[in-house]
Amino acid sequence: MEDKDRVGVCQRTERKEEQVKVRNLKTGEIGYTFGCTEEGGTIQVKLENGQLDSWVYADCEELPE
């Protein structure tokens, strides 16, 4: 995920409380955002199976709903 995309996803997640659909490019897993960590460079996601995970921004892409 490029920096401009990351900013948009994190703003929608944090400010508008949206759950943005994202895919992990390394694993192919799909999840929905629920937080962002600027210091660690990660997005917190809830996977389709209900588990929680944290992905590095560079490994993610936003998916259309």
Protein backbone atom coordinates (compact mmCIF):
# COMPACT_ATOMS: atom_id res chain seq x y z
CA MET A 1 0.00 0.00 0.00
CA GLU A 2 1.41 3.35 -0.98
CA ASP A 3 1.61 6.15 1.57
CA LYS A 4 -1.31 8.14 0.10
CA ASP A 5 -3.51 5.02 0.19
CA ARG A 6 -2.45 4.22 3.75
CA VAL A 7 -3.39 7.72 4.93
CA GLY A 8 -6.85 7.43 3.36
CA VAL A 9 -7.50 3.97 4.81
CA CYS A 10 -6.34 5.01 8.27
CA GLN A 11 -8.37 8.23 8.25
CA ARG A 12 -11.52 6.35 7.27
CA THR A 13 -10.81 3.67 9.88
CA GLU A 14 -9.89 5.99 12.75
CA ARG A 15 -12.05 9.07 12.10
CA LYS A 16 -15.11 7.67 10.37
CA GLU A 17 -15.01 4.28 12.12
CA GLU A 18 -15.25 2.47 8.79
CA GLN A 19 -14.03 -1.08 8.41
CA VAL A 20 -12.05 -1.01 5.17
CA LYS A 21 -11.66 -4.32 3.32
CA VAL A 22 -7.97 -5.12 2.71
CA ARG A 23 -5.92 -8.04 1.44
CA ASN A 24 -2.48 -9.13 2.62
CA LEU A 25 -0.40 -9.40 -0.56
CA LYS A 26 1.99 -11.96 0.99
CA THR A 27 -0.59 -14.38 2.43
CA GLY A 28 -3.70 -13.61 0.37
CA GLU A 29 -5.76 -13.27 3.57
CA ILE A 30 -8.64 -10.78 3.61
CA GLY A 31 -9.56 -8.67 6.61
CA TYR A 32 -11.35 -5.54 7.74
CA THR A 33 -9.48 -2.68 9.39
CA PHE A 34 -10.19 -1.60 12.94
CA GLY A 35 -7.05 0.43 13.73
CA CYS A 36 -3.73 1.81 12.52
CA THR A 37 -0.40 2.10 14.28
CA GLU A 38 1.78 4.85 12.82
CA GLU A 39 4.78 4.05 15.05
CA GLY A 40 4.82 0.38 14.07
CA GLY A 41 3.69 0.93 10.50
CA THR A 42 0.85 -1.55 10.76
CA ILE A 43 -2.87 -1.88 10.20
CA GLN A 44 -4.92 -3.92 12.67
CA VAL A 45 -7.40 -6.19 10.93
CA LYS A 46 -10.15 -8.61 11.78
CA LEU A 47 -9.88 -11.62 9.47
CA GLU A 48 -12.85 -13.26 7.81
CA ASN A 49 -12.55 -16.15 10.31
CA GLY A 50 -12.86 -13.71 13.23
CA GLN A 51 -9.21 -13.71 14.30
CA LEU A 52 -7.35 -10.45 14.87
CA ASP A 53 -4.04 -9.69 13.19
CA SER A 54 -1.67 -6.83 12.42
CA TRP A 55 -0.22 -6.30 8.94
CA VAL A 56 2.58 -4.08 7.66
CA TYR A 57 1.23 -1.31 5.39
CA ALA A 58 3.47 -2.34 2.49
CA ASP A 59 1.93 -5.84 2.50
CA CYS A 60 -1.67 -4.57 2.12
CA GLU A 61 -3.99 -3.45 -0.63
CA GLU A 62 -7.48 -2.03 -0.30
CA LEU A 63 -10.22 -4.08 -1.91
CA PRO A 64 -13.51 -2.78 -3.30
CA GLU A 65 -16.60 -3.64 -1.25
